N, C-alpha and C. Protein backbone atom coordinates (compact mmCIF):
# COMPACT_ATOMS: atom_id res chain seq x y z
N MET A 1 -66.08 -3.40 -24.89
CA MET A 1 -67.34 -3.50 -24.24
C MET A 1 -67.23 -2.86 -22.88
N SER A 2 -68.23 -2.08 -22.49
CA SER A 2 -68.26 -1.31 -21.37
C SER A 2 -68.73 -2.22 -20.18
N ARG A 3 -68.46 -1.78 -18.95
CA ARG A 3 -68.75 -2.56 -17.77
C ARG A 3 -70.27 -2.80 -17.60
N TYR A 4 -70.75 -3.97 -17.25
CA TYR A 4 -72.11 -4.19 -17.02
C TYR A 4 -72.60 -3.47 -15.74
N THR A 5 -73.80 -2.85 -15.83
CA THR A 5 -74.19 -2.03 -14.68
C THR A 5 -75.68 -2.48 -14.33
N GLY A 6 -76.13 -3.63 -14.94
CA GLY A 6 -77.53 -4.10 -14.73
C GLY A 6 -77.60 -4.89 -13.35
N PRO A 7 -78.71 -5.56 -13.21
CA PRO A 7 -78.96 -6.34 -11.92
C PRO A 7 -77.97 -7.48 -11.64
N VAL A 8 -77.29 -7.45 -10.60
CA VAL A 8 -76.33 -8.46 -10.35
C VAL A 8 -76.89 -9.87 -10.20
N HIS A 9 -78.14 -10.04 -9.63
CA HIS A 9 -78.77 -11.28 -9.50
C HIS A 9 -79.06 -11.92 -10.93
N ARG A 10 -79.45 -11.19 -11.82
CA ARG A 10 -79.76 -11.70 -13.15
C ARG A 10 -78.45 -12.14 -13.86
N LYS A 11 -77.40 -11.40 -13.61
CA LYS A 11 -76.05 -11.84 -14.16
C LYS A 11 -75.64 -13.05 -13.50
N ALA A 12 -75.75 -13.30 -12.32
CA ALA A 12 -75.46 -14.43 -11.50
C ALA A 12 -76.24 -15.63 -12.03
N ARG A 13 -77.47 -15.46 -12.22
CA ARG A 13 -78.30 -16.59 -12.74
C ARG A 13 -77.97 -16.96 -14.17
N ARG A 14 -77.40 -16.01 -14.93
CA ARG A 14 -77.02 -16.26 -16.31
C ARG A 14 -75.86 -17.27 -16.38
N VAL A 15 -74.94 -17.05 -15.42
CA VAL A 15 -73.83 -17.98 -15.48
C VAL A 15 -73.87 -19.11 -14.44
N GLY A 16 -74.95 -19.08 -13.60
CA GLY A 16 -75.14 -20.14 -12.53
C GLY A 16 -74.04 -20.08 -11.48
N PHE A 17 -73.68 -18.91 -11.10
CA PHE A 17 -72.63 -18.70 -10.09
C PHE A 17 -72.76 -17.51 -9.25
N SER A 18 -72.43 -17.55 -7.93
CA SER A 18 -72.71 -16.51 -7.14
C SER A 18 -71.54 -15.48 -7.31
N ILE A 19 -71.89 -14.42 -7.94
CA ILE A 19 -70.80 -13.37 -8.23
C ILE A 19 -70.38 -12.66 -6.96
N LEU A 20 -71.40 -12.54 -6.06
CA LEU A 20 -70.92 -11.89 -4.79
C LEU A 20 -70.21 -12.87 -3.74
N GLU A 21 -70.20 -14.13 -4.15
CA GLU A 21 -69.64 -15.21 -3.35
C GLU A 21 -70.29 -15.37 -2.08
N LYS A 22 -71.63 -15.06 -2.04
CA LYS A 22 -72.46 -15.29 -0.83
C LYS A 22 -73.54 -16.19 -1.03
N GLY A 23 -73.84 -16.53 -2.29
CA GLY A 23 -74.95 -17.49 -2.67
C GLY A 23 -76.34 -16.92 -2.63
N LYS A 24 -76.50 -15.68 -2.24
CA LYS A 24 -77.82 -15.15 -2.04
C LYS A 24 -78.54 -14.90 -3.49
N GLU A 25 -77.78 -14.64 -4.43
CA GLU A 25 -78.30 -14.35 -5.75
C GLU A 25 -79.04 -15.48 -6.33
N LEU A 26 -78.67 -16.69 -5.95
CA LEU A 26 -79.38 -17.86 -6.59
C LEU A 26 -80.26 -18.55 -5.76
N LEU A 27 -80.69 -18.06 -4.56
CA LEU A 27 -81.70 -18.77 -3.62
C LEU A 27 -83.03 -18.70 -4.13
N LYS A 28 -83.54 -17.47 -4.63
CA LYS A 28 -84.94 -17.53 -5.03
C LYS A 28 -85.14 -17.97 -6.40
N LYS A 29 -84.28 -17.66 -7.39
CA LYS A 29 -84.47 -18.04 -8.66
C LYS A 29 -83.15 -18.60 -9.26
N PRO A 30 -82.86 -19.77 -9.10
CA PRO A 30 -81.70 -20.46 -9.47
C PRO A 30 -81.51 -20.69 -11.05
N ASN A 31 -82.70 -20.60 -11.68
CA ASN A 31 -82.74 -20.84 -13.08
C ASN A 31 -82.23 -19.63 -13.94
N VAL A 32 -81.94 -20.02 -15.19
CA VAL A 32 -81.38 -18.97 -16.17
C VAL A 32 -82.51 -17.93 -16.47
N PRO A 33 -82.14 -16.63 -16.48
CA PRO A 33 -83.29 -15.65 -16.74
C PRO A 33 -83.80 -15.79 -18.16
N GLY A 34 -84.97 -15.33 -18.37
CA GLY A 34 -85.53 -15.42 -19.68
C GLY A 34 -86.85 -16.26 -19.78
N GLN A 35 -87.52 -16.16 -20.87
CA GLN A 35 -88.89 -16.85 -20.95
C GLN A 35 -88.71 -18.41 -20.76
N HIS A 36 -87.64 -18.96 -21.36
CA HIS A 36 -87.56 -20.39 -21.14
C HIS A 36 -86.77 -20.95 -19.97
N GLY A 37 -86.15 -20.01 -19.31
CA GLY A 37 -85.62 -20.35 -18.03
C GLY A 37 -84.62 -21.45 -17.97
N GLY A 38 -83.81 -21.64 -19.05
CA GLY A 38 -82.75 -22.65 -19.09
C GLY A 38 -83.26 -24.07 -19.37
N LYS A 39 -84.38 -24.08 -20.07
CA LYS A 39 -85.01 -25.44 -20.27
C LYS A 39 -84.47 -26.14 -21.59
N ARG A 40 -83.71 -25.38 -22.23
CA ARG A 40 -83.14 -25.96 -23.50
C ARG A 40 -82.20 -27.11 -23.09
N THR A 41 -82.30 -28.17 -23.87
CA THR A 41 -81.57 -29.40 -23.51
C THR A 41 -80.34 -29.64 -24.36
N ARG A 42 -80.08 -28.86 -25.37
CA ARG A 42 -78.97 -28.99 -26.21
C ARG A 42 -77.70 -28.89 -25.48
N LYS A 43 -76.73 -29.89 -25.73
CA LYS A 43 -75.52 -29.85 -25.03
C LYS A 43 -74.57 -28.70 -25.49
N PRO A 44 -74.03 -27.93 -24.51
CA PRO A 44 -73.26 -26.83 -24.82
C PRO A 44 -71.94 -27.27 -25.51
N SER A 45 -71.38 -26.43 -26.42
CA SER A 45 -70.09 -26.78 -27.09
C SER A 45 -69.00 -26.42 -26.10
N ASN A 46 -67.79 -26.78 -26.51
CA ASN A 46 -66.61 -26.54 -25.59
C ASN A 46 -66.51 -25.03 -25.54
N TYR A 47 -66.64 -24.34 -26.61
CA TYR A 47 -66.51 -22.90 -26.59
C TYR A 47 -67.44 -22.25 -25.61
N ALA A 48 -68.71 -22.83 -25.64
CA ALA A 48 -69.77 -22.22 -24.73
C ALA A 48 -69.36 -22.41 -23.27
N ILE A 49 -68.76 -23.54 -23.06
CA ILE A 49 -68.39 -23.89 -21.57
C ILE A 49 -67.20 -22.96 -21.19
N GLN A 50 -66.32 -22.79 -22.08
CA GLN A 50 -65.14 -21.88 -21.72
C GLN A 50 -65.58 -20.41 -21.62
N LEU A 51 -66.49 -20.01 -22.47
CA LEU A 51 -67.04 -18.69 -22.41
C LEU A 51 -67.73 -18.31 -21.10
N LYS A 52 -68.50 -19.39 -20.65
CA LYS A 52 -69.28 -19.20 -19.48
C LYS A 52 -68.30 -19.05 -18.23
N GLU A 53 -67.31 -19.85 -18.30
CA GLU A 53 -66.39 -19.83 -17.06
C GLU A 53 -65.69 -18.51 -17.11
N LYS A 54 -65.33 -18.07 -18.27
CA LYS A 54 -64.65 -16.72 -18.42
C LYS A 54 -65.51 -15.66 -17.85
N GLN A 55 -66.80 -15.73 -18.20
CA GLN A 55 -67.73 -14.68 -17.77
C GLN A 55 -68.06 -14.71 -16.21
N LYS A 56 -67.87 -15.98 -15.70
CA LYS A 56 -68.07 -16.13 -14.13
C LYS A 56 -66.94 -15.35 -13.58
N VAL A 57 -65.74 -15.45 -13.97
CA VAL A 57 -64.63 -14.83 -13.27
C VAL A 57 -64.72 -13.32 -13.56
N ARG A 58 -64.88 -12.91 -14.86
CA ARG A 58 -64.98 -11.50 -15.19
C ARG A 58 -66.18 -10.80 -14.34
N PHE A 59 -67.26 -11.51 -14.29
CA PHE A 59 -68.44 -10.77 -13.47
C PHE A 59 -68.03 -10.73 -12.04
N MET A 60 -67.35 -11.72 -11.53
CA MET A 60 -67.09 -11.84 -10.11
C MET A 60 -66.26 -10.60 -9.69
N TYR A 61 -65.11 -10.31 -10.48
CA TYR A 61 -64.31 -9.25 -10.23
C TYR A 61 -64.70 -7.89 -10.71
N GLY A 62 -65.78 -7.96 -11.59
CA GLY A 62 -66.45 -6.68 -12.02
C GLY A 62 -65.54 -5.86 -12.95
N VAL A 63 -64.85 -6.48 -13.80
CA VAL A 63 -63.98 -5.78 -14.78
C VAL A 63 -64.63 -5.91 -16.21
N SER A 64 -64.29 -4.95 -16.95
CA SER A 64 -64.63 -4.93 -18.41
C SER A 64 -63.91 -6.03 -19.18
N GLU A 65 -64.28 -6.31 -20.37
CA GLU A 65 -63.58 -7.35 -21.22
C GLU A 65 -62.26 -6.89 -21.53
N LYS A 66 -62.15 -5.64 -21.78
CA LYS A 66 -60.78 -5.02 -22.21
C LYS A 66 -59.84 -5.16 -21.04
N GLN A 67 -60.32 -4.83 -19.79
CA GLN A 67 -59.40 -4.88 -18.61
C GLN A 67 -59.01 -6.38 -18.34
N PHE A 68 -59.98 -7.21 -18.46
CA PHE A 68 -59.85 -8.66 -18.19
C PHE A 68 -58.79 -9.23 -19.14
N LYS A 69 -58.92 -9.02 -20.26
CA LYS A 69 -57.91 -9.62 -21.39
C LYS A 69 -56.53 -8.91 -21.14
N LYS A 70 -56.50 -7.72 -20.78
CA LYS A 70 -55.23 -6.98 -20.50
C LYS A 70 -54.56 -7.67 -19.37
N THR A 71 -55.33 -8.01 -18.30
CA THR A 71 -54.77 -8.60 -17.12
C THR A 71 -54.27 -10.09 -17.34
N PHE A 72 -55.01 -10.73 -18.35
CA PHE A 72 -54.52 -12.08 -18.80
C PHE A 72 -53.19 -11.90 -19.56
N LEU A 73 -53.08 -10.97 -20.38
CA LEU A 73 -51.85 -10.85 -21.07
C LEU A 73 -50.67 -10.49 -20.23
N GLN A 74 -50.87 -9.66 -19.15
CA GLN A 74 -49.87 -9.44 -18.14
C GLN A 74 -49.46 -10.73 -17.40
N ALA A 75 -50.43 -11.60 -17.14
CA ALA A 75 -50.18 -12.88 -16.49
C ALA A 75 -49.27 -13.72 -17.34
N LYS A 76 -49.45 -13.67 -18.61
CA LYS A 76 -48.62 -14.58 -19.61
C LYS A 76 -47.23 -14.18 -19.45
N LYS A 77 -46.82 -12.90 -19.10
CA LYS A 77 -45.50 -12.55 -19.01
C LYS A 77 -44.77 -12.94 -17.79
N LEU A 78 -45.64 -13.50 -16.77
CA LEU A 78 -44.94 -13.95 -15.56
C LEU A 78 -44.55 -15.40 -15.76
N LYS A 79 -43.69 -15.77 -14.76
CA LYS A 79 -42.96 -17.08 -14.92
C LYS A 79 -43.72 -18.27 -14.17
N GLY A 80 -44.77 -18.03 -13.51
CA GLY A 80 -45.44 -19.07 -12.75
C GLY A 80 -46.48 -19.83 -13.58
N VAL A 81 -47.44 -20.43 -12.96
CA VAL A 81 -48.50 -21.13 -13.57
C VAL A 81 -49.53 -20.07 -14.08
N LEU A 82 -49.83 -20.08 -15.42
CA LEU A 82 -50.62 -19.03 -15.96
C LEU A 82 -51.86 -18.81 -15.26
N GLY A 83 -52.66 -19.74 -15.09
CA GLY A 83 -54.05 -19.56 -14.44
C GLY A 83 -53.97 -19.02 -13.09
N GLU A 84 -52.93 -19.57 -12.29
CA GLU A 84 -52.76 -18.98 -10.95
C GLU A 84 -52.33 -17.55 -10.87
N ASP A 85 -51.36 -17.20 -11.84
CA ASP A 85 -50.83 -15.96 -11.82
C ASP A 85 -52.03 -14.93 -12.34
N PHE A 86 -52.85 -15.30 -13.15
CA PHE A 86 -54.00 -14.45 -13.66
C PHE A 86 -54.87 -14.20 -12.34
N LEU A 87 -55.21 -15.18 -11.74
CA LEU A 87 -56.08 -14.97 -10.49
C LEU A 87 -55.42 -14.13 -9.42
N LYS A 88 -54.07 -14.21 -9.25
CA LYS A 88 -53.34 -13.52 -8.32
C LYS A 88 -53.32 -11.98 -8.74
N LEU A 89 -53.25 -11.69 -9.99
CA LEU A 89 -53.29 -10.36 -10.45
C LEU A 89 -54.72 -9.76 -10.22
N LEU A 90 -55.69 -10.57 -10.44
CA LEU A 90 -57.10 -10.07 -10.24
C LEU A 90 -57.30 -9.88 -8.68
N GLU A 91 -56.83 -10.75 -7.83
CA GLU A 91 -56.98 -10.58 -6.42
C GLU A 91 -56.14 -9.31 -5.92
N SER A 92 -55.14 -8.97 -6.61
CA SER A 92 -54.27 -7.87 -6.21
C SER A 92 -54.73 -6.48 -6.48
N ARG A 93 -55.87 -6.45 -7.41
CA ARG A 93 -56.48 -5.11 -7.74
C ARG A 93 -56.80 -4.46 -6.41
N LEU A 94 -56.68 -3.19 -6.43
CA LEU A 94 -57.02 -2.29 -5.30
C LEU A 94 -58.47 -2.39 -4.88
N ASP A 95 -59.51 -2.40 -5.81
CA ASP A 95 -60.82 -2.45 -5.54
C ASP A 95 -61.14 -3.81 -4.91
N ASN A 96 -60.51 -4.91 -5.41
CA ASN A 96 -60.80 -6.16 -4.76
C ASN A 96 -60.33 -6.31 -3.36
N LEU A 97 -59.15 -5.72 -3.03
CA LEU A 97 -58.59 -5.80 -1.73
C LEU A 97 -59.35 -4.86 -0.73
N VAL A 98 -59.91 -3.75 -1.18
CA VAL A 98 -60.66 -2.92 -0.32
C VAL A 98 -61.95 -3.69 -0.03
N TYR A 99 -62.39 -4.49 -0.94
CA TYR A 99 -63.63 -5.38 -0.66
C TYR A 99 -63.20 -6.47 0.38
N ARG A 100 -62.07 -7.09 0.08
CA ARG A 100 -61.60 -8.28 0.98
C ARG A 100 -61.38 -7.82 2.37
N ILE A 101 -60.78 -6.64 2.58
CA ILE A 101 -60.63 -6.10 3.93
C ILE A 101 -61.82 -5.76 4.64
N GLY A 102 -62.82 -5.39 3.91
CA GLY A 102 -64.16 -5.15 4.44
C GLY A 102 -64.68 -3.75 4.56
N PHE A 103 -64.02 -2.80 3.70
CA PHE A 103 -64.38 -1.43 3.66
C PHE A 103 -65.64 -1.29 2.84
N ALA A 104 -66.04 -2.33 2.13
CA ALA A 104 -67.30 -2.25 1.22
C ALA A 104 -67.86 -3.61 1.17
N ASN A 105 -69.14 -3.73 1.00
CA ASN A 105 -69.89 -4.94 1.03
C ASN A 105 -69.77 -5.67 -0.33
N THR A 106 -69.51 -4.94 -1.39
CA THR A 106 -69.33 -5.59 -2.72
C THR A 106 -68.13 -4.97 -3.38
N ARG A 107 -67.64 -5.59 -4.52
CA ARG A 107 -66.51 -4.99 -5.27
C ARG A 107 -67.02 -3.80 -6.02
N LYS A 108 -68.18 -3.64 -6.37
CA LYS A 108 -68.76 -2.52 -6.99
C LYS A 108 -68.64 -1.29 -5.98
N GLY A 109 -69.02 -1.48 -4.70
CA GLY A 109 -68.99 -0.47 -3.74
C GLY A 109 -67.52 -0.11 -3.38
N ALA A 110 -66.59 -1.18 -3.43
CA ALA A 110 -65.22 -0.82 -3.32
C ALA A 110 -64.68 -0.03 -4.37
N ARG A 111 -65.04 -0.29 -5.59
CA ARG A 111 -64.55 0.50 -6.73
C ARG A 111 -64.99 1.96 -6.61
N GLN A 112 -66.20 2.19 -6.08
CA GLN A 112 -66.70 3.53 -5.96
C GLN A 112 -65.86 4.30 -4.82
N LEU A 113 -65.56 3.56 -3.79
CA LEU A 113 -64.70 4.25 -2.72
C LEU A 113 -63.37 4.69 -3.28
N VAL A 114 -62.72 3.75 -4.06
CA VAL A 114 -61.52 4.13 -4.67
C VAL A 114 -61.65 5.31 -5.59
N ASN A 115 -62.60 5.23 -6.54
CA ASN A 115 -62.81 6.26 -7.54
C ASN A 115 -63.03 7.69 -6.94
N HIS A 116 -63.72 7.68 -5.72
CA HIS A 116 -64.02 8.95 -5.06
C HIS A 116 -62.86 9.36 -4.12
N GLY A 117 -61.74 8.68 -4.19
CA GLY A 117 -60.44 9.21 -3.46
C GLY A 117 -60.51 8.91 -1.92
N HIS A 118 -61.31 7.92 -1.49
CA HIS A 118 -61.35 7.66 0.03
C HIS A 118 -60.26 6.74 0.48
N VAL A 119 -59.43 6.11 -0.55
CA VAL A 119 -58.55 5.08 -0.13
C VAL A 119 -57.11 5.45 -0.26
N LEU A 120 -56.24 5.13 0.69
CA LEU A 120 -54.86 5.36 0.60
C LEU A 120 -54.02 4.06 0.44
N VAL A 121 -53.02 4.07 -0.31
CA VAL A 121 -52.01 2.90 -0.30
C VAL A 121 -50.72 3.41 0.10
N ASN A 122 -50.23 2.93 1.21
CA ASN A 122 -48.99 3.45 1.83
C ASN A 122 -49.04 4.89 2.02
N ASN A 123 -50.16 5.44 2.61
CA ASN A 123 -50.33 6.83 2.88
C ASN A 123 -50.40 7.77 1.70
N LYS A 124 -50.59 7.20 0.54
CA LYS A 124 -50.80 8.01 -0.71
C LYS A 124 -52.10 7.74 -1.32
N LYS A 125 -52.91 8.73 -1.73
CA LYS A 125 -54.19 8.52 -2.30
C LYS A 125 -54.03 7.88 -3.72
N VAL A 126 -54.84 6.84 -3.79
CA VAL A 126 -54.86 6.16 -5.08
C VAL A 126 -56.34 6.04 -5.56
N ASP A 127 -56.74 6.57 -6.66
CA ASP A 127 -58.07 6.47 -7.15
C ASP A 127 -58.31 5.67 -8.41
N ILE A 128 -57.42 4.78 -8.61
CA ILE A 128 -57.45 3.88 -9.73
C ILE A 128 -57.80 2.46 -9.19
N PRO A 129 -59.03 1.96 -9.47
CA PRO A 129 -59.51 0.69 -8.95
C PRO A 129 -58.62 -0.51 -9.41
N SER A 130 -58.02 -0.41 -10.63
CA SER A 130 -57.22 -1.55 -11.17
C SER A 130 -55.75 -1.46 -10.66
N TYR A 131 -55.38 -0.60 -9.76
CA TYR A 131 -53.99 -0.41 -9.24
C TYR A 131 -53.65 -1.76 -8.67
N GLN A 132 -52.44 -2.20 -9.01
CA GLN A 132 -51.89 -3.51 -8.57
C GLN A 132 -51.13 -3.25 -7.25
N VAL A 133 -51.79 -3.85 -6.11
CA VAL A 133 -51.27 -3.74 -4.82
C VAL A 133 -50.20 -4.80 -4.65
N LYS A 134 -49.08 -4.51 -3.94
CA LYS A 134 -48.07 -5.50 -3.75
C LYS A 134 -48.10 -6.04 -2.36
N PRO A 135 -47.80 -7.31 -2.17
CA PRO A 135 -47.69 -7.77 -0.78
C PRO A 135 -46.79 -6.91 0.16
N GLY A 136 -47.32 -6.65 1.23
CA GLY A 136 -46.64 -5.77 2.25
C GLY A 136 -47.22 -4.39 2.21
N ASP A 137 -48.07 -3.98 1.20
CA ASP A 137 -48.60 -2.63 1.13
C ASP A 137 -49.75 -2.55 2.13
N GLU A 138 -49.97 -1.32 2.59
CA GLU A 138 -51.00 -0.94 3.53
C GLU A 138 -52.07 -0.27 2.83
N ILE A 139 -53.33 -0.72 3.03
CA ILE A 139 -54.49 -0.04 2.37
C ILE A 139 -55.34 0.59 3.55
N ALA A 140 -55.56 1.87 3.47
CA ALA A 140 -56.22 2.56 4.63
C ALA A 140 -57.31 3.57 4.01
N ILE A 141 -58.13 3.92 4.89
CA ILE A 141 -59.13 4.92 4.56
C ILE A 141 -58.63 6.23 5.00
N ARG A 142 -58.72 7.19 4.18
CA ARG A 142 -58.18 8.59 4.55
C ARG A 142 -58.93 9.13 5.75
N GLU A 143 -58.26 10.03 6.35
CA GLU A 143 -58.75 10.52 7.71
C GLU A 143 -60.20 11.16 7.57
N LYS A 144 -60.52 11.94 6.51
CA LYS A 144 -61.71 12.56 6.43
C LYS A 144 -62.89 11.58 6.15
N SER A 145 -62.48 10.38 5.70
CA SER A 145 -63.56 9.46 5.31
C SER A 145 -63.76 8.37 6.29
N LYS A 146 -63.12 8.31 7.39
CA LYS A 146 -63.19 7.28 8.31
C LYS A 146 -64.55 7.12 9.02
N ASN A 147 -65.38 8.11 9.04
CA ASN A 147 -66.75 7.98 9.68
C ASN A 147 -67.89 7.90 8.63
N LEU A 148 -67.51 7.65 7.36
CA LEU A 148 -68.60 7.46 6.38
C LEU A 148 -69.49 6.30 6.75
N PRO A 149 -70.75 6.53 6.82
CA PRO A 149 -71.70 5.40 7.17
C PRO A 149 -71.54 4.21 6.34
N VAL A 150 -71.30 4.29 5.09
CA VAL A 150 -71.24 3.11 4.19
C VAL A 150 -69.99 2.28 4.55
N ILE A 151 -68.93 2.81 4.99
CA ILE A 151 -67.71 2.15 5.38
C ILE A 151 -67.93 1.51 6.73
N LEU A 152 -68.45 2.27 7.70
CA LEU A 152 -68.71 1.70 9.06
C LEU A 152 -69.70 0.59 8.99
N SER A 153 -70.71 0.70 8.18
CA SER A 153 -71.81 -0.33 8.12
C SER A 153 -71.10 -1.64 7.45
N ALA A 154 -70.34 -1.50 6.39
CA ALA A 154 -69.64 -2.66 5.79
C ALA A 154 -68.72 -3.33 6.89
N LEU A 155 -67.96 -2.62 7.63
CA LEU A 155 -67.09 -3.16 8.58
C LEU A 155 -67.84 -3.87 9.65
N GLU A 156 -69.00 -3.31 10.02
CA GLU A 156 -69.73 -3.90 11.13
C GLU A 156 -70.40 -5.23 10.64
N GLY A 157 -70.69 -5.35 9.43
CA GLY A 157 -71.27 -6.52 8.90
C GLY A 157 -70.25 -7.63 8.53
N ARG A 158 -69.09 -7.39 8.43
CA ARG A 158 -68.03 -8.24 8.04
C ARG A 158 -67.76 -9.23 9.21
N THR A 159 -67.88 -10.57 9.02
CA THR A 159 -67.72 -11.51 10.07
C THR A 159 -66.37 -12.22 9.77
N SER A 160 -65.88 -12.29 8.58
CA SER A 160 -64.63 -13.07 8.26
C SER A 160 -63.84 -12.47 7.23
N ARG A 161 -62.57 -12.72 7.07
CA ARG A 161 -61.68 -12.22 6.02
C ARG A 161 -60.82 -13.24 5.53
N VAL A 162 -60.35 -13.23 4.33
CA VAL A 162 -59.34 -14.19 3.77
C VAL A 162 -58.06 -14.01 4.59
N GLU A 163 -57.27 -15.05 4.61
CA GLU A 163 -56.03 -15.06 5.44
C GLU A 163 -54.96 -14.21 4.89
N TYR A 164 -54.97 -13.77 3.68
CA TYR A 164 -53.80 -13.05 3.11
C TYR A 164 -54.06 -11.47 3.27
N VAL A 165 -55.06 -11.11 4.09
CA VAL A 165 -55.26 -9.68 4.46
C VAL A 165 -55.45 -9.60 6.02
N THR A 166 -55.05 -8.44 6.56
CA THR A 166 -55.21 -8.25 7.92
C THR A 166 -55.99 -6.87 8.10
N PHE A 167 -56.53 -6.60 9.23
CA PHE A 167 -57.26 -5.37 9.40
C PHE A 167 -57.09 -4.86 10.81
N ASP A 168 -56.87 -3.53 10.94
CA ASP A 168 -56.62 -2.87 12.21
C ASP A 168 -57.70 -1.76 12.35
N LEU A 169 -58.70 -2.05 13.32
CA LEU A 169 -59.81 -1.15 13.42
C LEU A 169 -59.41 0.24 13.97
N GLN A 170 -58.39 0.27 14.81
CA GLN A 170 -57.91 1.59 15.26
C GLN A 170 -57.31 2.38 14.21
N LYS A 171 -56.56 1.83 13.36
CA LYS A 171 -55.92 2.61 12.23
C LYS A 171 -56.92 2.75 10.99
N MET A 172 -57.97 1.95 11.00
CA MET A 172 -58.84 1.88 9.81
C MET A 172 -58.07 1.52 8.56
N ALA A 173 -57.17 0.50 8.75
CA ALA A 173 -56.27 0.09 7.73
C ALA A 173 -56.13 -1.45 7.62
N GLY A 174 -55.68 -1.86 6.49
CA GLY A 174 -55.48 -3.42 6.36
C GLY A 174 -54.19 -3.50 5.55
N ASN A 175 -53.62 -4.74 5.69
CA ASN A 175 -52.37 -5.02 5.02
C ASN A 175 -52.55 -6.20 4.05
N TYR A 176 -51.96 -6.15 2.92
CA TYR A 176 -51.97 -7.22 2.00
C TYR A 176 -50.81 -8.08 2.21
N LEU A 177 -50.91 -9.17 3.03
CA LEU A 177 -49.81 -9.87 3.42
C LEU A 177 -49.01 -10.61 2.38
N ARG A 178 -49.65 -11.25 1.52
CA ARG A 178 -49.04 -12.18 0.52
C ARG A 178 -50.06 -12.44 -0.60
N TYR A 179 -49.50 -13.01 -1.74
CA TYR A 179 -50.42 -13.48 -2.83
C TYR A 179 -51.18 -14.67 -2.26
N PRO A 180 -52.46 -14.82 -2.72
CA PRO A 180 -53.22 -15.94 -2.23
C PRO A 180 -52.65 -17.37 -2.86
N GLU A 181 -52.88 -18.37 -2.17
CA GLU A 181 -52.43 -19.66 -2.63
C GLU A 181 -53.49 -20.30 -3.50
N GLN A 182 -53.16 -21.30 -4.22
CA GLN A 182 -54.16 -21.95 -5.08
C GLN A 182 -55.40 -22.50 -4.35
N SER A 183 -55.20 -23.04 -3.13
CA SER A 183 -56.35 -23.48 -2.35
C SER A 183 -57.12 -22.40 -1.93
N GLU A 184 -56.80 -21.23 -1.96
CA GLU A 184 -57.57 -20.07 -1.43
C GLU A 184 -58.48 -19.39 -2.46
N PHE A 185 -58.25 -19.78 -3.69
CA PHE A 185 -59.14 -19.23 -4.80
C PHE A 185 -60.48 -19.92 -4.68
N ASN A 186 -61.57 -19.25 -5.31
CA ASN A 186 -62.88 -19.81 -5.31
C ASN A 186 -62.87 -21.17 -6.02
N SER A 187 -63.31 -22.17 -5.24
CA SER A 187 -63.29 -23.62 -5.72
C SER A 187 -64.26 -23.80 -6.85
N GLU A 188 -65.26 -22.96 -7.11
CA GLU A 188 -66.17 -23.08 -8.13
C GLU A 188 -65.64 -22.61 -9.49
N ILE A 189 -64.49 -22.08 -9.52
CA ILE A 189 -63.93 -21.58 -10.71
C ILE A 189 -62.90 -22.58 -11.29
N ASP A 190 -63.11 -22.83 -12.56
CA ASP A 190 -62.18 -23.74 -13.22
C ASP A 190 -61.21 -22.82 -14.27
N ILE A 191 -60.17 -22.25 -13.63
CA ILE A 191 -59.45 -21.18 -14.34
C ILE A 191 -58.81 -21.87 -15.64
N ALA A 192 -58.65 -23.17 -15.68
CA ALA A 192 -57.96 -23.75 -16.86
C ALA A 192 -58.86 -23.53 -18.12
N LEU A 193 -60.17 -23.58 -17.98
CA LEU A 193 -61.12 -23.23 -19.03
C LEU A 193 -60.95 -21.81 -19.54
N VAL A 194 -60.65 -20.88 -18.58
CA VAL A 194 -60.49 -19.47 -19.06
C VAL A 194 -59.14 -19.37 -19.85
N VAL A 195 -58.11 -20.02 -19.44
CA VAL A 195 -56.81 -20.03 -20.12
C VAL A 195 -57.02 -20.67 -21.52
N GLU A 196 -57.82 -21.78 -21.62
CA GLU A 196 -58.02 -22.45 -22.90
C GLU A 196 -58.83 -21.39 -23.85
N TYR A 197 -59.76 -20.61 -23.26
CA TYR A 197 -60.51 -19.70 -24.07
C TYR A 197 -59.66 -18.67 -24.71
N TYR A 198 -58.64 -18.08 -23.96
CA TYR A 198 -57.82 -17.03 -24.42
C TYR A 198 -56.66 -17.59 -25.29
N ASN A 199 -56.27 -18.91 -25.09
CA ASN A 199 -55.14 -19.42 -25.81
C ASN A 199 -55.50 -20.05 -27.08
N LYS A 200 -56.68 -19.78 -27.66
CA LYS A 200 -57.02 -20.40 -28.95
C LYS A 200 -56.28 -19.72 -30.11
């Protein structure tokens, strides 16, 4: 299945979750999209609950179903807690960290910056959004792209960052300090349901 490119707000309403993690998508219309607007009263099955949780995470990180499952299978090979390892791999994607540092307002925008070759990892150009960044790696904007309005605007609007990344305005670069801890993941996500979905 290809990546969804439709309205983000509609997608957020569908799963009842702020994909951009800002809550703006659900302010005007919190109900499910469509003619009936979520008025159906039938209790959802366990499968439906697990599927919805999986879609919440997949939509948030903006990856295709194929990439999402591939990342889950990579997490299964690690020795830690499966759900936590899965989220750590998703958080370690280059496009996600470009977004976390503040070079883009959304993960979709971050993915575009990476695809167009504006991003360096340890002084080497990387144009693969799914590239796995390791703790200690430096993520920077290449010299020719440092004055791009879209990047400057995103940085100006960024008021806070997660604690596992740093940012140096003079160098236009950030560092991925460490893997996020369990308490730093989005509290609205029940990753155990996603693990159950794939472990059937």
